[in-house]
Amino acid sequence: MGVPRIANYPLPEKSQLPAAKVDWQPDSSRAALLIHDMQQYFLAAFNQGESPINPVIANIKALLDICHKKGVPVFYTAQRGNQQRCDRGLQADFWGPGMKADAAHETIVPALTPSEDDFVLVKHRYSAFQRSNLLTLLQARQRDQLIVTGVYAQIGCQISAAEAFQHDIEPFFVADAVAAYSQAHHEQAVNYVAGCCGVSLMTNDVVNALDSH
């Protein structure tokens, strides 16, 4: 029970991405960035300094920088340690008690430390929208696009993208800025989003689009 050890695997290249079914493009006046669960507890499952997690952190940092430059709101999700069963819910059955209330578990990876203007949402369920005010914060800022990054691609990232779609928020799933349990899980998440609820694209595509709008 708990997060498994994750073997190294290469991130997808642009030529490997599924074709988009819609013509959506990230727009800095409409978009928000989601940095999902990039806490030390979840990242410890990866081999540090290796792919996928090392380039994923670098790619999220590039997205974070362009969003700060262009005034795009940035939202983080972060779980708290020592969760009570009433807060953890059925996740306890699948993953056990989760992280401890310790900086070694709860801290967001230093390269992606939130700024004073960023929003850090307490994470309770797979989706970033559940038991949070993410939807209200997006609507108040007239944001109807969500750029999804972080871990794990096939769980919370994918489900957050799907829920964004159900709120009429266009999801952009950044294929080289998410990481999964395996290459197969990663590909499944990228294909799922592209197939039914969003656009899967690369970090450079998002950076260029935001910088030009």
N, C-alpha and C. Protein backbone atom coordinates (compact mmCIF):
# COMPACT_ATOMS: atom_id res chain seq x y z
N MET A 1 0.85 -1.19 0.00
CA MET A 1 0.00 0.00 0.00
C MET A 1 0.88 1.24 0.00
N GLY A 2 0.41 2.30 -0.59
CA GLY A 2 1.21 3.51 -0.70
C GLY A 2 1.76 3.67 -2.11
N VAL A 3 2.55 4.71 -2.30
CA VAL A 3 3.10 5.03 -3.61
C VAL A 3 4.20 4.03 -3.97
N PRO A 4 4.15 3.41 -5.15
CA PRO A 4 5.19 2.46 -5.53
C PRO A 4 6.46 3.15 -5.97
N ARG A 5 7.56 2.43 -5.97
CA ARG A 5 8.81 2.95 -6.53
C ARG A 5 8.65 3.06 -8.04
N ILE A 6 9.10 4.18 -8.62
CA ILE A 6 8.89 4.45 -10.04
C ILE A 6 10.21 4.37 -10.80
N ALA A 7 10.26 3.52 -11.80
CA ALA A 7 11.46 3.36 -12.63
C ALA A 7 11.59 4.53 -13.60
N ASN A 8 12.83 4.78 -14.02
CA ASN A 8 13.07 5.83 -15.02
C ASN A 8 12.34 5.49 -16.32
N TYR A 9 11.87 6.53 -17.00
CA TYR A 9 11.33 6.36 -18.35
C TYR A 9 11.43 7.70 -19.08
N PRO A 10 11.47 7.70 -20.41
CA PRO A 10 11.60 8.95 -21.16
C PRO A 10 10.26 9.65 -21.29
N LEU A 11 10.30 10.97 -21.27
CA LEU A 11 9.09 11.74 -21.53
C LEU A 11 8.74 11.68 -23.01
N PRO A 12 7.47 11.85 -23.34
CA PRO A 12 7.09 11.80 -24.75
C PRO A 12 7.66 12.98 -25.54
N GLU A 13 7.86 12.76 -26.82
CA GLU A 13 8.26 13.82 -27.73
C GLU A 13 7.02 14.33 -28.46
N LYS A 14 7.13 15.52 -29.02
CA LYS A 14 5.97 16.13 -29.68
C LYS A 14 5.40 15.24 -30.77
N SER A 15 6.27 14.57 -31.51
CA SER A 15 5.80 13.72 -32.61
C SER A 15 4.98 12.53 -32.13
N GLN A 16 5.06 12.21 -30.84
CA GLN A 16 4.34 11.07 -30.28
C GLN A 16 2.97 11.44 -29.70
N LEU A 17 2.66 12.72 -29.65
CA LEU A 17 1.40 13.14 -29.04
C LEU A 17 0.22 12.86 -29.97
N PRO A 18 -0.92 12.53 -29.40
CA PRO A 18 -2.12 12.35 -30.22
C PRO A 18 -2.56 13.68 -30.81
N ALA A 19 -3.16 13.61 -31.98
CA ALA A 19 -3.65 14.83 -32.63
C ALA A 19 -4.78 15.44 -31.81
N ALA A 20 -4.79 16.76 -31.76
CA ALA A 20 -5.84 17.47 -31.04
C ALA A 20 -7.16 17.34 -31.79
N LYS A 21 -8.25 17.18 -31.05
CA LYS A 21 -9.58 17.10 -31.65
C LYS A 21 -10.26 18.46 -31.70
N VAL A 22 -9.67 19.44 -31.02
CA VAL A 22 -10.22 20.80 -30.98
C VAL A 22 -9.10 21.78 -31.29
N ASP A 23 -9.46 23.01 -31.63
CA ASP A 23 -8.46 24.00 -32.02
C ASP A 23 -8.10 24.98 -30.90
N TRP A 24 -8.29 24.56 -29.65
CA TRP A 24 -7.99 25.43 -28.51
C TRP A 24 -6.50 25.76 -28.47
N GLN A 25 -6.20 27.00 -28.06
CA GLN A 25 -4.84 27.45 -27.85
C GLN A 25 -4.74 28.18 -26.52
N PRO A 26 -3.69 27.94 -25.73
CA PRO A 26 -3.55 28.68 -24.47
C PRO A 26 -3.46 30.18 -24.72
N ASP A 27 -4.16 30.93 -23.89
CA ASP A 27 -4.23 32.39 -24.01
C ASP A 27 -3.96 32.97 -22.62
N SER A 28 -2.99 33.85 -22.52
CA SER A 28 -2.61 34.37 -21.20
C SER A 28 -3.72 35.17 -20.53
N SER A 29 -4.68 35.66 -21.28
CA SER A 29 -5.80 36.41 -20.70
C SER A 29 -6.91 35.49 -20.19
N ARG A 30 -6.83 34.21 -20.53
CA ARG A 30 -7.88 33.26 -20.16
C ARG A 30 -7.37 32.11 -19.28
N ALA A 31 -6.08 31.88 -19.28
CA ALA A 31 -5.52 30.66 -18.69
C ALA A 31 -5.15 30.83 -17.21
N ALA A 32 -5.08 29.68 -16.55
CA ALA A 32 -4.49 29.55 -15.22
C ALA A 32 -3.61 28.30 -15.24
N LEU A 33 -2.59 28.29 -14.40
CA LEU A 33 -1.66 27.16 -14.31
C LEU A 33 -1.96 26.36 -13.06
N LEU A 34 -2.07 25.04 -13.20
CA LEU A 34 -2.22 24.13 -12.06
C LEU A 34 -0.93 23.34 -11.89
N ILE A 35 -0.31 23.47 -10.73
CA ILE A 35 0.86 22.66 -10.36
C ILE A 35 0.39 21.67 -9.31
N HIS A 36 0.24 20.45 -9.72
CA HIS A 36 -0.51 19.44 -8.97
C HIS A 36 0.41 18.55 -8.14
N ASP A 37 0.30 18.66 -6.81
CA ASP A 37 0.91 17.71 -5.86
C ASP A 37 2.43 17.56 -5.97
N MET A 38 3.12 18.62 -6.30
CA MET A 38 4.59 18.52 -6.43
C MET A 38 5.27 18.63 -5.07
N GLN A 39 4.89 17.73 -4.17
CA GLN A 39 5.42 17.69 -2.82
C GLN A 39 6.47 16.59 -2.70
N GLN A 40 7.35 16.76 -1.73
CA GLN A 40 8.47 15.83 -1.57
C GLN A 40 7.99 14.40 -1.36
N TYR A 41 6.88 14.22 -0.68
CA TYR A 41 6.36 12.87 -0.42
C TYR A 41 6.10 12.13 -1.72
N PHE A 42 5.47 12.79 -2.67
CA PHE A 42 5.13 12.15 -3.94
C PHE A 42 6.34 12.02 -4.87
N LEU A 43 7.24 12.96 -4.80
CA LEU A 43 8.40 12.93 -5.69
C LEU A 43 9.46 11.94 -5.23
N ALA A 44 9.40 11.53 -3.97
CA ALA A 44 10.39 10.57 -3.45
C ALA A 44 10.31 9.22 -4.15
N ALA A 45 9.22 8.94 -4.81
CA ALA A 45 9.07 7.67 -5.52
C ALA A 45 9.93 7.59 -6.78
N PHE A 46 10.36 8.75 -7.28
CA PHE A 46 11.17 8.81 -8.50
C PHE A 46 12.66 8.79 -8.16
N ASN A 47 13.48 8.43 -9.13
CA ASN A 47 14.93 8.55 -8.99
C ASN A 47 15.30 10.01 -9.27
N GLN A 48 15.71 10.70 -8.24
CA GLN A 48 15.97 12.13 -8.36
C GLN A 48 17.11 12.40 -9.34
N GLY A 49 16.96 13.46 -10.13
CA GLY A 49 17.96 13.81 -11.12
C GLY A 49 17.84 13.05 -12.42
N GLU A 50 16.83 12.17 -12.51
CA GLU A 50 16.63 11.33 -13.69
C GLU A 50 15.29 11.67 -14.35
N SER A 51 15.08 11.09 -15.53
CA SER A 51 13.79 11.22 -16.20
C SER A 51 12.84 10.13 -15.68
N PRO A 52 11.61 10.47 -15.39
CA PRO A 52 10.93 11.67 -15.88
C PRO A 52 10.97 12.88 -14.96
N ILE A 53 11.27 12.71 -13.67
CA ILE A 53 10.97 13.80 -12.74
C ILE A 53 11.89 15.00 -12.93
N ASN A 54 13.14 14.79 -13.26
CA ASN A 54 14.05 15.93 -13.40
C ASN A 54 13.61 16.88 -14.53
N PRO A 55 13.38 16.39 -15.75
CA PRO A 55 12.91 17.31 -16.79
C PRO A 55 11.51 17.84 -16.53
N VAL A 56 10.66 17.08 -15.84
CA VAL A 56 9.33 17.58 -15.51
C VAL A 56 9.42 18.81 -14.62
N ILE A 57 10.27 18.75 -13.60
CA ILE A 57 10.44 19.91 -12.72
C ILE A 57 10.94 21.12 -13.52
N ALA A 58 11.91 20.90 -14.40
CA ALA A 58 12.43 22.00 -15.22
C ALA A 58 11.35 22.57 -16.13
N ASN A 59 10.52 21.72 -16.69
CA ASN A 59 9.46 22.20 -17.59
C ASN A 59 8.38 22.95 -16.83
N ILE A 60 8.01 22.46 -15.65
CA ILE A 60 7.04 23.20 -14.84
C ILE A 60 7.60 24.56 -14.46
N LYS A 61 8.89 24.60 -14.15
CA LYS A 61 9.52 25.88 -13.79
C LYS A 61 9.44 26.86 -14.97
N ALA A 62 9.64 26.38 -16.19
CA ALA A 62 9.53 27.24 -17.37
C ALA A 62 8.11 27.78 -17.50
N LEU A 63 7.12 26.94 -17.24
CA LEU A 63 5.73 27.37 -17.29
C LEU A 63 5.42 28.35 -16.17
N LEU A 64 5.94 28.08 -15.00
CA LEU A 64 5.74 28.99 -13.87
C LEU A 64 6.31 30.37 -14.18
N ASP A 65 7.48 30.40 -14.77
CA ASP A 65 8.13 31.69 -15.09
C ASP A 65 7.32 32.48 -16.11
N ILE A 66 6.85 31.84 -17.16
CA ILE A 66 6.09 32.57 -18.18
C ILE A 66 4.75 33.02 -17.61
N CYS A 67 4.15 32.23 -16.74
CA CYS A 67 2.88 32.63 -16.14
C CYS A 67 3.07 33.84 -15.22
N HIS A 68 4.14 33.85 -14.45
CA HIS A 68 4.41 35.04 -13.62
C HIS A 68 4.67 36.25 -14.51
N LYS A 69 5.39 36.07 -15.57
CA LYS A 69 5.70 37.17 -16.49
C LYS A 69 4.43 37.75 -17.12
N LYS A 70 3.48 36.88 -17.47
CA LYS A 70 2.29 37.31 -18.21
C LYS A 70 1.08 37.55 -17.31
N GLY A 71 1.25 37.43 -16.02
CA GLY A 71 0.15 37.66 -15.10
C GLY A 71 -0.90 36.57 -15.09
N VAL A 72 -0.49 35.36 -15.43
CA VAL A 72 -1.39 34.20 -15.42
C VAL A 72 -1.46 33.65 -13.99
N PRO A 73 -2.65 33.50 -13.42
CA PRO A 73 -2.75 32.96 -12.05
C PRO A 73 -2.18 31.55 -11.95
N VAL A 74 -1.55 31.28 -10.82
CA VAL A 74 -0.92 29.98 -10.58
C VAL A 74 -1.54 29.35 -9.34
N PHE A 75 -1.98 28.10 -9.49
CA PHE A 75 -2.61 27.36 -8.39
C PHE A 75 -1.80 26.09 -8.14
N TYR A 76 -1.49 25.87 -6.88
CA TYR A 76 -0.84 24.63 -6.44
C TYR A 76 -1.86 23.81 -5.66
N THR A 77 -1.74 22.49 -5.75
CA THR A 77 -2.41 21.63 -4.77
C THR A 77 -1.35 21.02 -3.87
N ALA A 78 -1.71 20.85 -2.61
CA ALA A 78 -0.78 20.27 -1.64
C ALA A 78 -1.58 19.58 -0.55
N GLN A 79 -1.31 18.31 -0.35
CA GLN A 79 -1.95 17.59 0.74
C GLN A 79 -1.28 17.93 2.06
N ARG A 80 -2.00 17.72 3.14
CA ARG A 80 -1.46 17.89 4.48
C ARG A 80 -1.21 16.53 5.11
N GLY A 81 -0.23 16.48 5.96
CA GLY A 81 0.10 15.24 6.63
C GLY A 81 -0.81 14.93 7.80
N ASN A 82 -0.74 13.68 8.25
CA ASN A 82 -1.53 13.21 9.39
C ASN A 82 -3.02 13.49 9.20
N GLN A 83 -3.53 13.16 8.03
CA GLN A 83 -4.94 13.42 7.74
C GLN A 83 -5.84 12.52 8.59
N GLN A 84 -6.92 13.09 9.06
CA GLN A 84 -7.93 12.29 9.73
C GLN A 84 -8.69 11.47 8.70
N ARG A 85 -9.22 10.34 9.13
CA ARG A 85 -9.91 9.46 8.19
C ARG A 85 -11.09 10.15 7.51
N CYS A 86 -11.77 11.04 8.22
CA CYS A 86 -12.91 11.72 7.63
C CYS A 86 -12.48 12.64 6.49
N ASP A 87 -11.24 13.12 6.54
CA ASP A 87 -10.72 13.95 5.45
C ASP A 87 -10.12 13.10 4.34
N ARG A 88 -9.46 12.03 4.70
CA ARG A 88 -8.80 11.19 3.70
C ARG A 88 -9.79 10.32 2.94
N GLY A 89 -10.85 9.89 3.61
CA GLY A 89 -11.90 9.14 2.94
C GLY A 89 -11.41 7.83 2.37
N LEU A 90 -11.94 7.45 1.22
CA LEU A 90 -11.65 6.16 0.60
C LEU A 90 -10.21 6.06 0.08
N GLN A 91 -9.54 7.19 -0.02
CA GLN A 91 -8.13 7.12 -0.43
C GLN A 91 -7.31 6.31 0.56
N ALA A 92 -7.74 6.29 1.82
CA ALA A 92 -7.03 5.49 2.82
C ALA A 92 -7.08 4.01 2.49
N ASP A 93 -8.17 3.56 1.88
CA ASP A 93 -8.29 2.14 1.53
C ASP A 93 -7.32 1.77 0.42
N PHE A 94 -7.07 2.70 -0.50
CA PHE A 94 -6.18 2.43 -1.63
C PHE A 94 -4.71 2.69 -1.29
N TRP A 95 -4.44 3.76 -0.53
CA TRP A 95 -3.07 4.25 -0.39
C TRP A 95 -2.56 4.30 1.04
N GLY A 96 -3.38 3.90 1.99
CA GLY A 96 -2.94 3.97 3.37
C GLY A 96 -3.08 5.36 3.95
N PRO A 97 -2.38 5.65 5.05
CA PRO A 97 -2.57 6.92 5.76
C PRO A 97 -1.98 8.14 5.05
N GLY A 98 -1.12 7.92 4.06
CA GLY A 98 -0.54 9.06 3.35
C GLY A 98 0.63 9.70 4.09
N MET A 99 0.88 10.95 3.78
CA MET A 99 2.08 11.61 4.29
C MET A 99 1.94 12.01 5.76
N LYS A 100 3.08 12.24 6.36
CA LYS A 100 3.15 12.73 7.73
C LYS A 100 3.18 14.26 7.74
N ALA A 101 2.82 14.83 8.86
CA ALA A 101 2.88 16.28 9.02
C ALA A 101 4.33 16.67 9.30
N ASP A 102 5.12 16.58 8.27
CA ASP A 102 6.57 16.79 8.37
C ASP A 102 7.02 17.51 7.11
N ALA A 103 7.93 18.45 7.26
CA ALA A 103 8.39 19.21 6.09
C ALA A 103 8.99 18.30 5.03
N ALA A 104 9.58 17.19 5.44
CA ALA A 104 10.18 16.26 4.48
C ALA A 104 9.13 15.62 3.58
N HIS A 105 7.88 15.65 4.00
CA HIS A 105 6.78 15.12 3.19
C HIS A 105 5.97 16.24 2.54
N GLU A 106 5.61 17.26 3.31
CA GLU A 106 4.64 18.26 2.86
C GLU A 106 5.21 19.32 1.92
N THR A 107 6.50 19.58 2.02
CA THR A 107 7.09 20.70 1.28
C THR A 107 7.01 20.51 -0.22
N ILE A 108 6.61 21.56 -0.92
CA ILE A 108 6.67 21.58 -2.38
C ILE A 108 8.13 21.67 -2.80
N VAL A 109 8.51 20.95 -3.85
CA VAL A 109 9.90 20.88 -4.27
C VAL A 109 10.47 22.30 -4.40
N PRO A 110 11.67 22.56 -3.86
CA PRO A 110 12.19 23.93 -3.78
C PRO A 110 12.24 24.68 -5.11
N ALA A 111 12.51 23.98 -6.20
CA ALA A 111 12.58 24.66 -7.50
C ALA A 111 11.26 25.30 -7.89
N LEU A 112 10.16 24.85 -7.27
CA LEU A 112 8.83 25.33 -7.63
C LEU A 112 8.15 26.02 -6.45
N THR A 113 8.91 26.54 -5.53
CA THR A 113 8.34 27.20 -4.35
C THR A 113 7.34 28.28 -4.75
N PRO A 114 6.13 28.24 -4.20
CA PRO A 114 5.14 29.26 -4.56
C PRO A 114 5.57 30.66 -4.16
N SER A 115 5.17 31.63 -4.96
CA SER A 115 5.40 33.03 -4.61
C SER A 115 4.24 33.52 -3.75
N GLU A 116 4.36 34.74 -3.24
CA GLU A 116 3.31 35.30 -2.39
C GLU A 116 2.00 35.50 -3.16
N ASP A 117 2.08 35.64 -4.47
CA ASP A 117 0.90 35.88 -5.29
C ASP A 117 0.24 34.59 -5.80
N ASP A 118 0.88 33.46 -5.59
CA ASP A 118 0.32 32.19 -6.03
C ASP A 118 -0.67 31.66 -4.99
N PHE A 119 -1.52 30.75 -5.42
CA PHE A 119 -2.53 30.16 -4.55
C PHE A 119 -2.14 28.71 -4.24
N VAL A 120 -2.13 28.35 -2.97
CA VAL A 120 -1.88 26.97 -2.56
C VAL A 120 -3.16 26.41 -1.96
N LEU A 121 -3.74 25.43 -2.64
CA LEU A 121 -5.01 24.83 -2.24
C LEU A 121 -4.76 23.53 -1.49
N VAL A 122 -5.45 23.33 -0.40
CA VAL A 122 -5.34 22.07 0.34
C VAL A 122 -6.04 20.98 -0.47
N LYS A 123 -5.33 19.89 -0.70
CA LYS A 123 -5.83 18.80 -1.54
C LYS A 123 -6.46 17.72 -0.67
N HIS A 124 -7.72 17.34 -1.02
CA HIS A 124 -8.43 16.32 -0.26
C HIS A 124 -8.74 15.07 -1.08
N ARG A 125 -8.90 15.22 -2.39
CA ARG A 125 -9.30 14.12 -3.25
C ARG A 125 -8.46 14.16 -4.52
N TYR A 126 -8.65 13.20 -5.41
CA TYR A 126 -7.86 13.16 -6.64
C TYR A 126 -7.97 14.47 -7.41
N SER A 127 -9.18 14.96 -7.61
CA SER A 127 -9.38 16.18 -8.40
C SER A 127 -9.04 17.43 -7.59
N ALA A 128 -8.36 18.36 -8.23
CA ALA A 128 -8.05 19.64 -7.58
C ALA A 128 -9.29 20.45 -7.29
N PHE A 129 -10.41 20.12 -7.92
CA PHE A 129 -11.65 20.88 -7.73
C PHE A 129 -12.45 20.42 -6.52
N GLN A 130 -12.18 19.20 -6.03
CA GLN A 130 -12.99 18.65 -4.95
C GLN A 130 -12.60 19.24 -3.59
N ARG A 131 -13.62 19.73 -2.89
CA ARG A 131 -13.44 20.30 -1.55
C ARG A 131 -12.42 21.43 -1.54
N SER A 132 -12.36 22.17 -2.64
CA SER A 132 -11.51 23.36 -2.72
C SER A 132 -12.33 24.46 -3.37
N ASN A 133 -11.79 25.67 -3.36
CA ASN A 133 -12.47 26.78 -4.02
C ASN A 133 -11.82 27.11 -5.36
N LEU A 134 -11.19 26.12 -5.99
CA LEU A 134 -10.51 26.37 -7.26
C LEU A 134 -11.48 26.92 -8.30
N LEU A 135 -12.64 26.32 -8.44
CA LEU A 135 -13.59 26.77 -9.46
C LEU A 135 -14.00 28.22 -9.21
N THR A 136 -14.30 28.55 -7.96
CA THR A 136 -14.69 29.92 -7.63
C THR A 136 -13.56 30.91 -7.94
N LEU A 137 -12.34 30.54 -7.60
CA LEU A 137 -11.19 31.41 -7.86
C LEU A 137 -10.97 31.62 -9.36
N LEU A 138 -11.16 30.57 -10.14
CA LEU A 138 -11.02 30.69 -11.59
C LEU A 138 -12.12 31.59 -12.16
N GLN A 139 -13.34 31.36 -11.74
CA GLN A 139 -14.45 32.15 -12.25
C GLN A 139 -14.33 33.62 -11.87
N ALA A 140 -13.86 33.89 -10.66
CA ALA A 140 -13.71 35.27 -10.21
C ALA A 140 -12.68 36.02 -11.05
N ARG A 141 -11.73 35.28 -11.61
CA ARG A 141 -10.68 35.89 -12.43
C ARG A 141 -10.96 35.73 -13.92
N GLN A 142 -12.15 35.26 -14.24
CA GLN A 142 -12.59 35.07 -15.63
C GLN A 142 -11.60 34.19 -16.40
N ARG A 143 -11.22 33.09 -15.77
CA ARG A 143 -10.29 32.14 -16.37
C ARG A 143 -11.05 30.89 -16.78
N ASP A 144 -11.02 30.58 -18.07
CA ASP A 144 -11.73 29.40 -18.57
C ASP A 144 -10.81 28.44 -19.30
N GLN A 145 -9.52 28.50 -18.97
CA GLN A 145 -8.53 27.53 -19.44
C GLN A 145 -7.67 27.11 -18.25
N LEU A 146 -7.30 25.83 -18.21
CA LEU A 146 -6.45 25.33 -17.13
C LEU A 146 -5.30 24.53 -17.71
N ILE A 147 -4.09 24.95 -17.43
CA ILE A 147 -2.87 24.27 -17.87
C ILE A 147 -2.47 23.31 -16.75
N VAL A 148 -2.50 22.01 -17.04
CA VAL A 148 -2.33 20.99 -16.01
C VAL A 148 -0.92 20.42 -16.04
N THR A 149 -0.25 20.47 -14.89
CA THR A 149 1.10 19.92 -14.73
C THR A 149 1.18 19.19 -13.39
N GLY A 150 2.24 18.38 -13.22
CA GLY A 150 2.50 17.79 -11.91
C GLY A 150 2.44 16.28 -11.89
N VAL A 151 2.12 15.73 -10.72
CA VAL A 151 2.03 14.29 -10.50
C VAL A 151 0.72 13.99 -9.78
N TYR A 152 0.21 12.80 -9.96
CA TYR A 152 0.61 11.80 -10.95
C TYR A 152 -0.30 11.96 -12.17
N ALA A 153 0.29 11.80 -13.34
CA ALA A 153 -0.42 12.08 -14.58
C ALA A 153 -1.71 11.29 -14.70
N GLN A 154 -1.64 10.00 -14.34
CA GLN A 154 -2.78 9.10 -14.59
C GLN A 154 -3.80 9.12 -13.47
N ILE A 155 -3.55 9.89 -12.42
CA ILE A 155 -4.50 9.94 -11.30
C ILE A 155 -5.03 11.38 -11.18
N GLY A 156 -4.48 12.15 -10.27
CA GLY A 156 -5.03 13.48 -10.01
C GLY A 156 -4.96 14.43 -11.18
N CYS A 157 -3.88 14.38 -11.98
CA CYS A 157 -3.76 15.31 -13.11
C CYS A 157 -4.85 15.02 -14.15
N GLN A 158 -4.99 13.76 -14.51
CA GLN A 158 -6.00 13.38 -15.50
C GLN A 158 -7.41 13.69 -15.00
N ILE A 159 -7.68 13.38 -13.75
CA ILE A 159 -9.03 13.59 -13.21
C ILE A 159 -9.33 15.08 -13.06
N SER A 160 -8.33 15.87 -12.70
CA SER A 160 -8.52 17.33 -12.62
C SER A 160 -8.81 17.90 -14.00
N ALA A 161 -8.12 17.41 -15.02
CA ALA A 161 -8.39 17.86 -16.39
C ALA A 161 -9.82 17.51 -16.80
N ALA A 162 -10.25 16.31 -16.49
CA ALA A 162 -11.60 15.89 -16.85
C ALA A 162 -12.65 16.71 -16.12
N GLU A 163 -12.41 17.04 -14.85
CA GLU A 163 -13.38 17.83 -14.12
C GLU A 163 -13.39 19.28 -14.62
N ALA A 164 -12.23 19.81 -15.00
CA ALA A 164 -12.20 21.15 -15.59
C ALA A 164 -13.12 21.20 -16.81
N PHE A 165 -13.00 20.20 -17.66
CA PHE A 165 -13.84 20.11 -18.87
C PHE A 165 -15.32 20.14 -18.51
N GLN A 166 -15.69 19.45 -17.46
CA GLN A 166 -17.09 19.40 -17.07
C GLN A 166 -17.61 20.72 -16.51
N HIS A 167 -16.69 21.62 -16.17
CA HIS A 167 -17.05 22.97 -15.76
C HIS A 167 -16.87 23.97 -16.91
N ASP A 168 -16.74 23.47 -18.14
CA ASP A 168 -16.53 24.32 -19.32
C ASP A 168 -15.25 25.14 -19.23
N ILE A 169 -14.24 24.54 -18.64
CA ILE A 169 -12.89 25.10 -18.59
C ILE A 169 -12.01 24.24 -19.49
N GLU A 170 -11.36 24.86 -20.46
CA GLU A 170 -10.56 24.12 -21.44
C GLU A 170 -9.26 23.62 -20.79
N PRO A 171 -9.07 22.28 -20.72
CA PRO A 171 -7.84 21.76 -20.13
C PRO A 171 -6.72 21.61 -21.18
N PHE A 172 -5.52 22.01 -20.78
CA PHE A 172 -4.31 21.77 -21.57
C PHE A 172 -3.40 20.88 -20.72
N PHE A 173 -3.17 19.68 -21.20
CA PHE A 173 -2.43 18.66 -20.46
C PHE A 173 -1.01 18.66 -21.01
N VAL A 174 -0.06 19.13 -20.20
CA VAL A 174 1.30 19.35 -20.70
C VAL A 174 2.08 18.04 -20.57
N ALA A 175 2.27 17.37 -21.69
CA ALA A 175 2.74 15.99 -21.70
C ALA A 175 4.14 15.82 -21.15
N ASP A 176 4.98 16.85 -21.27
CA ASP A 176 6.34 16.76 -20.72
C ASP A 176 6.48 17.55 -19.43
N ALA A 177 5.35 17.89 -18.80
CA ALA A 177 5.37 18.55 -17.50
C ALA A 177 4.47 17.82 -16.50
N VAL A 178 4.19 16.56 -16.80
CA VAL A 178 3.53 15.65 -15.87
C VAL A 178 4.36 14.37 -15.79
N ALA A 179 4.22 13.65 -14.69
CA ALA A 179 4.92 12.37 -14.53
C ALA A 179 3.96 11.37 -13.92
N ALA A 180 4.16 10.10 -14.29
CA ALA A 180 3.24 9.03 -13.90
C ALA A 180 4.01 7.88 -13.25
N TYR A 181 3.29 6.80 -12.95
CA TYR A 181 3.92 5.62 -12.36
C TYR A 181 4.82 4.88 -13.35
N SER A 182 4.54 5.05 -14.65
CA SER A 182 5.29 4.34 -15.68
C SER A 182 5.05 5.03 -17.01
N GLN A 183 5.83 4.65 -18.02
CA GLN A 183 5.62 5.20 -19.35
C GLN A 183 4.23 4.84 -19.87
N ALA A 184 3.77 3.62 -19.59
CA ALA A 184 2.44 3.21 -20.05
C ALA A 184 1.35 4.04 -19.39
N HIS A 185 1.46 4.29 -18.09
CA HIS A 185 0.49 5.14 -17.41
C HIS A 185 0.52 6.56 -17.97
N HIS A 186 1.72 7.04 -18.25
CA HIS A 186 1.88 8.39 -18.79
C HIS A 186 1.17 8.51 -20.14
N GLU A 187 1.42 7.57 -21.01
CA GLU A 187 0.80 7.58 -22.34
C GLU A 187 -0.72 7.47 -22.23
N GLN A 188 -1.19 6.65 -21.31
CA GLN A 188 -2.64 6.50 -21.13
C GLN A 188 -3.28 7.83 -20.76
N ALA A 189 -2.66 8.56 -19.83
CA ALA A 189 -3.22 9.83 -19.40
C ALA A 189 -3.23 10.86 -20.52
N VAL A 190 -2.11 10.95 -21.25
CA VAL A 190 -2.01 11.89 -22.36
C VAL A 190 -3.08 11.59 -23.41
N ASN A 191 -3.25 10.31 -23.72
CA ASN A 191 -4.23 9.91 -24.73
C ASN A 191 -5.66 10.11 -24.26
N TYR A 192 -5.90 9.84 -22.98
CA TYR A 192 -7.25 10.02 -22.44
C TYR A 192 -7.70 11.47 -22.57
N VAL A 193 -6.86 12.39 -22.10
CA VAL A 193 -7.23 13.81 -22.15
C VAL A 193 -7.44 14.26 -23.59
N ALA A 194 -6.51 13.91 -24.47
CA ALA A 194 -6.63 14.33 -25.87
C ALA A 194 -7.86 13.73 -26.53
N GLY A 195 -8.26 12.55 -26.09
CA GLY A 195 -9.36 11.86 -26.73
C GLY A 195 -10.74 12.34 -26.35
N CYS A 196 -10.87 12.94 -25.14
CA CYS A 196 -12.24 13.23 -24.71
C CYS A 196 -12.45 14.53 -23.96
N CYS A 197 -11.38 15.23 -23.55
CA CYS A 197 -11.68 16.40 -22.71
C CYS A 197 -10.69 17.55 -22.82
N GLY A 198 -9.64 17.45 -23.62
CA GLY A 198 -8.68 18.54 -23.65
C GLY A 198 -7.69 18.42 -24.77
N VAL A 199 -6.59 19.16 -24.63
CA VAL A 199 -5.51 19.15 -25.60
C VAL A 199 -4.23 18.74 -24.89
N SER A 200 -3.55 17.75 -25.42
CA SER A 200 -2.24 17.35 -24.90
C SER A 200 -1.17 18.01 -25.76
N LEU A 201 -0.26 18.70 -25.11
CA LEU A 201 0.75 19.46 -25.84
C LEU A 201 2.02 19.55 -25.02
N MET A 202 3.05 20.21 -25.59
CA MET A 202 4.36 20.26 -24.97
C MET A 202 4.59 21.61 -24.29
N THR A 203 5.55 21.60 -23.37
CA THR A 203 5.87 22.82 -22.63
C THR A 203 6.20 23.99 -23.56
N ASN A 204 7.04 23.77 -24.55
CA ASN A 204 7.43 24.86 -25.44
C ASN A 204 6.22 25.45 -26.17
N ASP A 205 5.26 24.59 -26.53
CA ASP A 205 4.06 25.08 -27.20
C ASP A 205 3.27 26.01 -26.28
N VAL A 206 3.16 25.64 -25.01
CA VAL A 206 2.42 26.47 -24.06
C VAL A 206 3.15 27.78 -23.82
N VAL A 207 4.46 27.71 -23.60
CA VAL A 207 5.25 28.92 -23.36
C VAL A 207 5.11 29.89 -24.53
N ASN A 208 5.25 29.39 -25.73
CA ASN A 208 5.16 30.24 -26.93
C ASN A 208 3.77 30.84 -27.09
N ALA A 209 2.74 30.02 -26.82
CA ALA A 209 1.37 30.53 -26.95
C ALA A 209 1.09 31.62 -25.92
N LEU A 210 1.48 31.40 -24.68
CA LEU A 210 1.24 32.40 -23.63
C LEU A 210 2.03 33.68 -23.91
N ASP A 211 3.24 33.52 -24.42
CA ASP A 211 4.09 34.69 -24.66
C ASP A 211 3.56 35.55 -25.81
N SER A 212 2.78 34.94 -26.70
CA SER A 212 2.29 35.67 -27.87
C SER A 212 0.87 36.18 -27.70
N HIS A 213 0.21 35.83 -26.59
CA HIS A 213 -1.16 36.29 -26.36
C HIS A 213 -1.22 37.07 -25.04
